[in-house]
Structure formats: structure tokens, C-alpha cells
Amino acid sequence: MGILSKESSVTFVIIQNGSGGIEPWINKARAVIKIPLLMEGALVCLALSFVIQNVSASTGDRSQMFHSCLENCLAENCSAIAQEFHIPLHLRLLQWTCSDECKYFCMWPTVDWFIEAGIGAQQFYGKWPFLRIFGVQEPAAAIFSILNLACHVAMIRRFNKEVNSKAPFYWLTNIFCFVCCHAWFWSTLFHVRDVRFTEIMDYLGAFSMVLFSVYHFSLRATALSSFSSLSSIIFGSAIGLFFVYHSYTTFFVKMDYGYNMLINIAFGAVNILGWSVWCFKHYKKRPYVKRCAAFTSLVAVTTLLEILDFPPFFWVLDAHALWHMTTSPLVVLWYRFLIDDCHFLESQVMDYEKIA
């Protein structure tokens, strides 16, 4: 049955009852829809212009094929009178419910139906279909999130070995590492299992990295100046208060995806632009600054992967996962710059002390 031959067999093993597994749901769903495949394709394409405006739903989960399959699955497995079926422990630990299982397993015959109609894979509930592995919702993105976290841990250990603890920006770099590790931790959990809490923590974790990077730049741009202490306190307080306010509204008022994306892009652009100007100003006199310039340029390029949107390769590797994969080696480049920059600042401080 094409791409669904393996998925259907997995479904039959994990979810089955007296009616004989998932096949009756698929057959009932197909029986409801008697429109020829080409006409189905035309109708779905027409519906795209209306569905795309709704973030909470997508073409896949709005299709009649998926709706019919889900309706039958819920009635036969998740209703009060349904015969209870067993969900494996590892799935229950990851909070997969009966309705979640029905959505997941009805998704695949619907994907097959879209592909047979010549439309191609569509999104479900705002996400591309991913092959779940041991209950992990987005395996590739989860693995690459762990890789990013591991790179930060490895490089901060190298940083602490090579940089004097009394050097300027030593503790700031350690705090930066903590913020990044915290963000990648929640990124991992979010890609393992997408629920409201992990989603919000992933968004806030990513935003905390962007904000702290902007704060780091502001400190570095004013380092060794007469007003650096006062400006760092004022700007740091402003950024901290804004993050607290944004976190509160995201948790308790509204999870605004558009606004969250807008402020991430805005602060990210400020960060990249600021570091780019700083690099252009100093790279001739300080050769190590080229590492910062390379990092900034590569971050801007790899972020373009977030703009791309295509169905996952092998139902595992999508643009977002590829973006996480490309950011991990950049961590090494950034910390190498930070090590050299701390050495430079330390030498500058020593020179000032000698003059004094």
C-alpha cells in the first residue's frame, strides 16, 4: 500500500479491538468519500486558501478522509462504552492518550490518500506528519537539540580551562551557556512530545537565548568604557522585565504565535546587525574577530532553513530539524571567538592597570 504498508501493520499491533484494528476505520472513511481522486485534489486545493488562515487546523486534519477515520476510531476505542485497549507504558509516560493515538494512526492513511490523489503530503494540526519512534514525536529534531546542548557543555568546559576566571566576560559567558543549555533542554522535550507546556517552554527558551545574545552584545560594545556599568544595569533590567512580562502573557493570557515570531525576528535582526557592525569595525586590528563575523553570517544563512517548509524526508527530517543540525557546529565557532576575545580583554585590562 505504498508508504502506509509498514505504518498500517504497526497500527494493527498497537491498537486493536474486537472490530479488527484500524482497517475498518480506513474502509469506512473511504466508503464515505466517493468523489474521484482528481476531483478530490481540486477540492482540497480550493480549500487551502481558507484553511491556511487557521493556525489550529490544517488541510490534513480537515479532510473528510481523516475526519471519518478519526470519528470511527474514537467511537470504537475511546468512548465510554468502547472496549479499553492497551497503550504501551513508554507512550503513556510521554502523555499519549487514546485520542492522540487515533489522530496519529488516522493521519497515515490520510497522507497516503493525499499522495495517491497527486496532491502531496499535507500538514495536520499545523505540523507535517512525522514517523514516531519509541513515542518520540520528532526524532531528528530531538536528537539535534541534544547535540546542540552537548556542544555547549563541551565548549564551556574548554572555555573554563583556557580562560582565567577573573577575566572580563568569564562569568557572563558561563551564564550565557546556562541560558542556552536550558533552551536546548526544552527544545529536546518539545520535539520529544509536543504539549502546551513544552511548546511554551521551547518558545520562551529560544527567546531567552536571543535576548541574552542582544544583552551580551550591548555589554561587549561598551566594554572598558566609562559608562559600561550603568548602561549594562539599565539595559539588563529592561530586557529582564520585558522577558518576564512576555513569559507571563504567553503562559496566562495568550500564546500568540505571530507576535512571538515577530519579536524573535526583531531582536534576532538587532543582534546580527549589531555584531556585524562590531566585527566590521574591529576585524582588521584583531584577526580573531573574523570568527565572530563568520558565526554571524552563518547564523543568518542557516536561519533561512526556518523559512523553508517541506514534508520531512523519510517522514523524519524536515527543515526545522536541518536547522538544528546546522547550528550545532556553529556553537564551537562561537566559543572559540569568546575564548580569544576574553584573552584580548584580559590583556587590555592588564595594560590599563600598568598605565595606572
Protein backbone atom coordinates (compact mmCIF):
# COMPACT_ATOMS: atom_id res chain seq x y z
CA MET A 1 0.00 0.00 0.00
CA GLY A 2 2.88 2.36 -0.73
CA ILE A 3 4.11 4.46 2.16
CA LEU A 4 1.47 3.11 4.53
CA SER A 5 2.20 -0.58 4.32
CA LYS A 6 4.52 -0.55 7.34
CA GLU A 7 2.54 2.03 9.31
CA SER A 8 -0.69 0.07 8.96
CA SER A 9 0.95 -3.06 10.33
CA VAL A 10 2.30 -1.13 13.30
CA THR A 11 -1.14 0.32 13.93
CA PHE A 12 -2.78 -3.07 13.89
CA VAL A 13 -0.43 -4.34 16.57
CA ILE A 14 -0.65 -1.36 18.91
CA ILE A 15 -4.33 -0.50 18.61
CA GLN A 16 -6.76 -3.27 18.05
CA ASN A 17 -10.12 -4.36 19.41
CA GLY A 18 -12.93 -6.72 18.50
CA SER A 19 -13.57 -4.93 15.22
CA GLY A 20 -10.17 -5.91 13.82
CA GLY A 21 -7.79 -2.95 14.15
CA ILE A 22 -7.54 0.13 12.00
CA GLU A 23 -8.59 -1.32 8.64
CA PRO A 24 -12.36 -0.95 9.35
CA TRP A 25 -11.84 2.77 10.06
CA ILE A 26 -9.91 3.23 6.82
CA ASN A 27 -12.53 1.31 4.80
CA LYS A 28 -15.40 3.24 6.37
CA ALA A 29 -13.66 6.51 5.67
CA ARG A 30 -13.02 5.56 2.05
CA ALA A 31 -16.64 4.44 1.68
CA VAL A 32 -17.89 7.87 2.75
CA ILE A 33 -15.83 9.58 0.06
CA LYS A 34 -16.99 8.59 -3.41
CA ILE A 35 -15.50 11.54 -5.27
CA PRO A 36 -12.87 10.63 -7.90
CA LEU A 37 -9.30 11.29 -6.81
CA LEU A 38 -8.74 14.11 -9.30
CA MET A 39 -11.85 15.94 -8.12
CA GLU A 40 -10.76 15.36 -4.50
CA GLY A 41 -7.47 17.01 -5.33
CA ALA A 42 -9.21 20.02 -6.86
CA LEU A 43 -11.49 20.41 -3.84
CA VAL A 44 -8.62 20.15 -1.36
CA CYS A 45 -6.55 22.70 -3.27
CA LEU A 46 -9.55 25.05 -3.29
CA ALA A 47 -9.93 24.62 0.47
CA LEU A 48 -6.27 25.54 1.04
CA SER A 49 -6.96 29.28 0.71
CA PHE A 50 -9.49 29.07 3.56
CA VAL A 51 -7.66 26.65 5.83
CA ILE A 52 -4.27 28.36 5.72
CA GLN A 53 -5.67 31.25 7.76
CA ASN A 54 -6.46 28.95 10.70
CA VAL A 55 -3.37 28.10 12.74
CA SER A 56 -5.08 25.46 14.87
CA ALA A 57 -6.14 23.32 11.89
CA SER A 58 -4.58 22.25 8.60
CA THR A 59 -5.60 20.65 5.34
CA GLY A 60 -4.85 17.15 6.57
CA ASP A 61 -6.96 17.16 9.72
CA ARG A 62 -9.79 18.96 7.94
CA SER A 63 -10.06 16.37 5.20
CA GLN A 64 -13.09 14.08 5.13
CA MET A 65 -10.81 11.04 4.99
CA PHE A 66 -9.13 11.94 8.27
CA HIS A 67 -12.35 13.09 9.93
CA SER A 68 -14.19 9.86 9.13
CA CYS A 69 -11.31 7.67 10.27
CA LEU A 70 -10.90 9.64 13.50
CA GLU A 71 -14.61 9.60 14.25
CA ASN A 72 -14.78 5.82 13.94
CA CYS A 73 -11.55 5.28 15.89
CA LEU A 74 -12.71 7.44 18.80
CA ALA A 75 -16.11 5.76 18.89
CA GLU A 76 -14.67 2.24 18.85
CA ASN A 77 -11.75 2.82 21.21
CA CYS A 78 -12.10 5.98 23.28
CA SER A 79 -15.79 6.29 24.15
CA ALA A 80 -17.31 5.30 27.49
CA ILE A 81 -18.78 2.10 26.04
CA ALA A 82 -15.71 1.17 23.99
CA GLN A 83 -13.60 -1.83 24.86
CA GLU A 84 -10.47 -0.47 26.54
CA PHE A 85 -7.26 -1.06 24.60
CA HIS A 86 -3.76 -1.05 25.97
CA ILE A 87 -1.38 1.86 25.39
CA PRO A 88 2.26 0.82 25.99
CA LEU A 89 3.97 2.26 29.08
CA HIS A 90 6.51 4.36 27.16
CA LEU A 91 3.67 6.08 25.30
CA ARG A 92 1.70 6.71 28.48
CA LEU A 93 4.80 8.21 30.10
CA LEU A 94 5.00 10.65 27.19
CA GLN A 95 1.30 11.51 27.71
CA TRP A 96 -0.01 9.89 24.55
CA THR A 97 -3.75 9.47 25.08
CA CYS A 98 -6.37 7.38 23.32
CA SER A 99 -7.46 10.33 21.17
CA ASP A 100 -3.81 11.14 20.37
CA GLU A 101 -3.31 7.56 19.19
CA CYS A 102 -6.35 7.77 16.95
CA LYS A 103 -5.12 11.05 15.44
CA TYR A 104 -1.66 9.61 14.82
CA PHE A 105 -2.81 6.41 13.20
CA CYS A 106 -5.57 8.03 11.14
CA MET A 107 -3.02 10.52 9.85
CA TRP A 108 -1.07 7.95 7.83
CA PRO A 109 -3.88 6.56 5.64
CA THR A 110 -4.89 10.18 5.02
CA VAL A 111 -1.32 11.02 3.95
CA ASP A 112 -1.41 8.04 1.59
CA TRP A 113 -4.72 9.24 0.22
CA PHE A 114 -3.34 12.75 -0.47
CA ILE A 115 -0.30 11.31 -2.23
CA GLU A 116 -2.42 8.94 -4.35
CA ALA A 117 -4.54 11.95 -5.35
CA GLY A 118 -1.40 13.70 -6.61
CA ILE A 119 -1.69 16.48 -4.03
CA GLY A 120 1.27 15.52 -1.90
CA ALA A 121 1.61 15.31 1.87
CA GLN A 122 -0.30 17.91 3.88
CA GLN A 123 0.05 19.20 7.42
CA PHE A 124 -2.06 18.03 10.36
CA TYR A 125 -2.84 20.45 13.18
CA GLY A 126 -0.14 22.80 11.91
CA LYS A 127 2.57 20.14 11.66
CA TRP A 128 3.94 17.87 8.97
CA PRO A 129 3.40 14.14 9.50
CA PHE A 130 6.34 12.63 11.39
CA LEU A 131 7.14 8.98 11.92
CA ARG A 132 7.02 8.42 15.67
CA ILE A 133 9.94 6.39 17.05
CA PHE A 134 9.58 4.90 20.55
CA GLY A 135 6.98 7.57 21.25
CA VAL A 136 9.27 10.43 20.23
CA GLN A 137 7.22 12.81 18.10
CA GLU A 138 10.01 14.44 16.07
CA PRO A 139 13.08 12.17 16.43
CA ALA A 140 15.56 14.08 14.24
CA ALA A 141 14.86 17.49 15.78
CA ALA A 142 15.09 15.97 19.27
CA ILE A 143 18.47 14.36 18.53
CA PHE A 144 19.90 17.55 17.04
CA SER A 145 18.62 19.55 20.03
CA ILE A 146 20.57 17.20 22.29
CA LEU A 147 23.60 17.66 20.02
CA ASN A 148 23.40 21.45 20.42
CA LEU A 149 23.14 21.10 24.19
CA ALA A 150 26.15 18.74 24.22
CA CYS A 151 28.21 21.20 22.16
CA HIS A 152 27.51 23.97 24.67
CA VAL A 153 28.52 21.73 27.58
CA ALA A 154 31.72 20.61 25.84
CA MET A 155 32.73 24.12 24.81
CA ILE A 156 32.06 25.76 28.18
CA ARG A 157 34.35 23.18 29.74
CA ARG A 158 37.02 24.14 27.23
CA PHE A 159 36.33 27.83 27.86
CA ASN A 160 36.72 27.44 31.62
CA LYS A 161 40.00 25.59 31.16
CA GLU A 162 41.53 28.16 28.83
CA VAL A 163 40.20 31.41 30.31
CA ASN A 164 41.12 32.91 33.67
CA SER A 165 38.12 33.09 35.99
CA LYS A 166 39.00 36.75 36.69
CA ALA A 167 38.96 37.67 33.00
CA PRO A 168 36.24 40.04 31.75
CA PHE A 169 33.10 38.27 30.49
CA TYR A 170 34.13 34.97 32.13
CA TRP A 171 31.00 34.70 34.27
CA LEU A 172 28.80 36.26 31.63
CA THR A 173 29.85 33.50 29.22
CA ASN A 174 29.00 30.85 31.82
CA ILE A 175 25.57 32.41 32.32
CA PHE A 176 25.15 32.50 28.54
CA CYS A 177 25.93 28.78 28.42
CA PHE A 178 23.36 28.08 31.13
CA VAL A 179 20.68 30.03 29.23
CA CYS A 180 21.47 28.14 26.03
CA CYS A 181 21.53 24.71 27.72
CA HIS A 182 18.20 25.49 29.37
CA ALA A 183 16.74 26.44 25.97
CA TRP A 184 18.05 23.33 24.20
CA PHE A 185 16.79 21.14 27.05
CA TRP A 186 13.25 22.38 26.48
CA SER A 187 13.72 22.18 22.74
CA THR A 188 14.52 18.49 23.20
CA LEU A 189 11.46 17.86 25.36
CA PHE A 190 9.23 19.76 22.95
CA HIS A 191 10.36 17.67 19.99
CA VAL A 192 10.03 14.50 22.05
CA ARG A 193 6.43 15.38 22.91
CA ASP A 194 4.55 18.45 21.78
CA VAL A 195 2.13 19.51 24.51
CA ARG A 196 1.17 23.04 25.55
CA PHE A 197 3.70 23.30 28.39
CA THR A 198 6.70 22.00 26.41
CA GLU A 199 5.69 24.17 23.45
CA ILE A 200 5.63 27.35 25.56
CA MET A 201 8.90 26.47 27.31
CA ASP A 202 10.53 25.83 23.92
CA TYR A 203 9.38 29.22 22.61
CA LEU A 204 10.47 31.05 25.77
CA GLY A 205 13.78 29.18 25.87
CA ALA A 206 14.58 30.21 22.31
CA PHE A 207 13.56 33.80 23.04
CA SER A 208 15.75 33.88 26.17
CA MET A 209 18.75 32.93 24.02
CA VAL A 210 18.03 35.73 21.56
CA LEU A 211 17.51 38.31 24.33
CA PHE A 212 20.64 37.30 26.21
CA SER A 213 22.66 37.48 23.00
CA VAL A 214 21.44 41.05 22.49
CA TYR A 215 22.38 41.85 26.09
CA HIS A 216 25.79 40.22 25.58
CA PHE A 217 26.36 42.38 22.51
CA SER A 218 25.40 45.57 24.36
CA LEU A 219 27.94 44.77 27.09
CA ARG A 220 30.66 43.90 24.61
CA ALA A 221 30.06 47.03 22.55
CA THR A 222 30.51 49.21 25.64
CA ALA A 223 33.24 47.13 27.31
CA LEU A 224 36.02 49.11 29.00
CA SER A 225 34.11 52.37 28.50
CA SER A 226 33.40 54.77 31.34
CA PHE A 227 29.62 54.21 31.26
CA SER A 228 29.62 50.42 30.73
CA SER A 229 28.44 49.54 34.27
CA LEU A 230 25.48 51.94 34.31
CA SER A 231 24.35 51.04 30.78
CA SER A 232 24.58 47.31 31.48
CA ILE A 233 22.39 47.65 34.58
CA ILE A 234 19.75 49.75 32.83
CA PHE A 235 19.64 47.70 29.63
CA GLY A 236 19.82 44.38 31.51
CA SER A 237 16.91 45.40 33.75
CA ALA A 238 14.83 46.48 30.76
CA ILE A 239 15.43 43.21 28.90
CA GLY A 240 14.80 41.14 32.03
CA LEU A 241 11.49 42.89 32.76
CA PHE A 242 10.38 42.51 29.16
CA PHE A 243 11.14 38.78 29.24
CA VAL A 244 9.19 38.34 32.50
CA TYR A 245 6.23 40.23 31.02
CA HIS A 246 6.34 38.23 27.79
CA SER A 247 6.55 34.95 29.72
CA TYR A 248 3.55 35.92 31.86
CA THR A 249 1.37 36.85 28.89
CA THR A 250 2.40 33.71 26.99
CA PHE A 251 1.51 31.43 29.90
CA PHE A 252 -1.55 33.10 31.36
CA VAL A 253 -3.03 35.38 28.70
CA LYS A 254 -2.47 34.09 25.16
CA MET A 255 0.07 32.10 23.20
CA ASP A 256 0.36 34.48 20.25
CA TYR A 257 2.43 32.67 17.60
CA GLY A 258 2.59 35.64 15.23
CA TYR A 259 3.72 38.09 17.92
CA ASN A 260 6.24 35.59 19.31
CA MET A 261 7.76 35.10 15.87
CA LEU A 262 7.82 38.85 15.25
CA ILE A 263 9.75 39.72 18.41
CA ASN A 264 12.18 36.85 17.88
CA ILE A 265 12.91 38.08 14.37
CA ALA A 266 13.19 41.70 15.54
CA PHE A 267 15.64 41.00 18.38
CA GLY A 268 17.50 38.45 16.25
CA ALA A 269 17.95 41.02 13.50
CA VAL A 270 19.22 43.59 16.01
CA ASN A 271 21.66 41.02 17.36
CA ILE A 272 23.02 40.01 13.95
CA LEU A 273 23.21 43.61 12.71
CA GLY A 274 24.94 44.77 15.89
CA TRP A 275 27.59 42.05 15.86
CA SER A 276 28.13 42.55 12.12
CA VAL A 277 28.84 46.26 12.59
CA TRP A 278 31.12 45.49 15.56
CA CYS A 279 33.04 42.89 13.51
CA PHE A 280 33.44 45.29 10.58
CA LYS A 281 34.86 47.88 12.96
CA HIS A 282 37.43 45.61 14.65
CA TYR A 283 38.37 42.74 12.33
CA LYS A 284 41.42 44.45 10.79
CA LYS A 285 43.17 45.04 14.12
CA ARG A 286 42.03 41.80 15.76
CA PRO A 287 42.22 38.75 13.46
CA TYR A 288 40.20 36.54 15.82
CA VAL A 289 37.14 38.76 15.22
CA LYS A 290 36.77 37.01 11.85
CA ARG A 291 35.40 34.03 13.77
CA CYS A 292 32.60 36.23 15.11
CA ALA A 293 31.93 37.54 11.60
CA ALA A 294 31.81 34.00 10.21
CA PHE A 295 29.49 32.89 13.01
CA THR A 296 27.13 35.83 12.48
CA SER A 297 27.00 35.26 8.72
CA LEU A 298 26.39 31.53 9.07
CA VAL A 299 23.65 32.06 11.65
CA ALA A 300 21.89 34.38 9.21
CA VAL A 301 22.22 31.82 6.39
CA THR A 302 21.12 28.79 8.43
CA THR A 303 18.11 30.69 9.76
CA LEU A 304 16.77 30.64 6.21
CA LEU A 305 16.02 26.95 6.82
CA GLU A 306 13.27 28.12 9.18
CA ILE A 307 11.62 29.88 6.26
CA LEU A 308 11.65 26.75 4.11
CA ASP A 309 8.74 24.41 4.62
CA PHE A 310 8.60 20.96 3.08
CA PRO A 311 7.42 17.48 4.08
CA PRO A 312 10.02 15.55 6.12
CA PHE A 313 12.45 13.30 4.26
CA PHE A 314 11.61 9.70 5.21
CA TRP A 315 8.95 11.31 7.47
CA VAL A 316 11.73 12.21 9.95
CA LEU A 317 13.98 15.01 8.65
CA ASP A 318 12.32 18.37 7.96
CA ALA A 319 13.64 21.93 7.54
CA HIS A 320 13.44 22.66 11.26
CA ALA A 321 15.47 19.56 12.13
CA LEU A 322 18.04 20.51 9.48
CA TRP A 323 18.28 23.95 11.05
CA HIS A 324 19.04 22.39 14.45
CA MET A 325 21.65 20.19 12.78
CA THR A 326 23.45 23.16 11.20
CA THR A 327 23.52 25.23 14.40
CA SER A 328 25.45 22.65 16.46
CA PRO A 329 28.87 23.14 14.78
CA LEU A 330 28.39 26.92 14.97
CA VAL A 331 28.47 26.61 18.76
CA VAL A 332 32.12 25.54 18.54
CA LEU A 333 32.97 28.53 16.36
CA TRP A 334 31.27 30.97 18.73
CA TYR A 335 33.03 29.71 21.86
CA ARG A 336 36.40 29.84 20.08
CA PHE A 337 35.71 33.51 19.43
CA LEU A 338 34.68 34.05 23.06
CA ILE A 339 37.89 32.42 24.32
CA ASP A 340 40.06 34.66 22.13
CA ASP A 341 38.01 37.73 23.00
CA CYS A 342 38.36 37.10 26.73
CA HIS A 343 42.13 36.77 26.29
CA PHE A 344 42.16 40.08 24.42
CA LEU A 345 40.08 41.86 27.06
CA GLU A 346 42.24 40.46 29.83
CA SER A 347 45.35 41.82 28.14
CA GLN A 348 43.69 45.21 27.72
CA VAL A 349 42.81 45.35 31.41
CA MET A 350 46.38 44.47 32.34
CA ASP A 351 47.68 47.26 30.11
CA TYR A 352 45.34 49.78 31.75
CA GLU A 353 46.49 48.65 35.19
CA LYS A 354 50.13 49.12 34.19
CA ILE A 355 49.40 52.62 32.91
CA ALA A 356 47.52 53.47 36.08
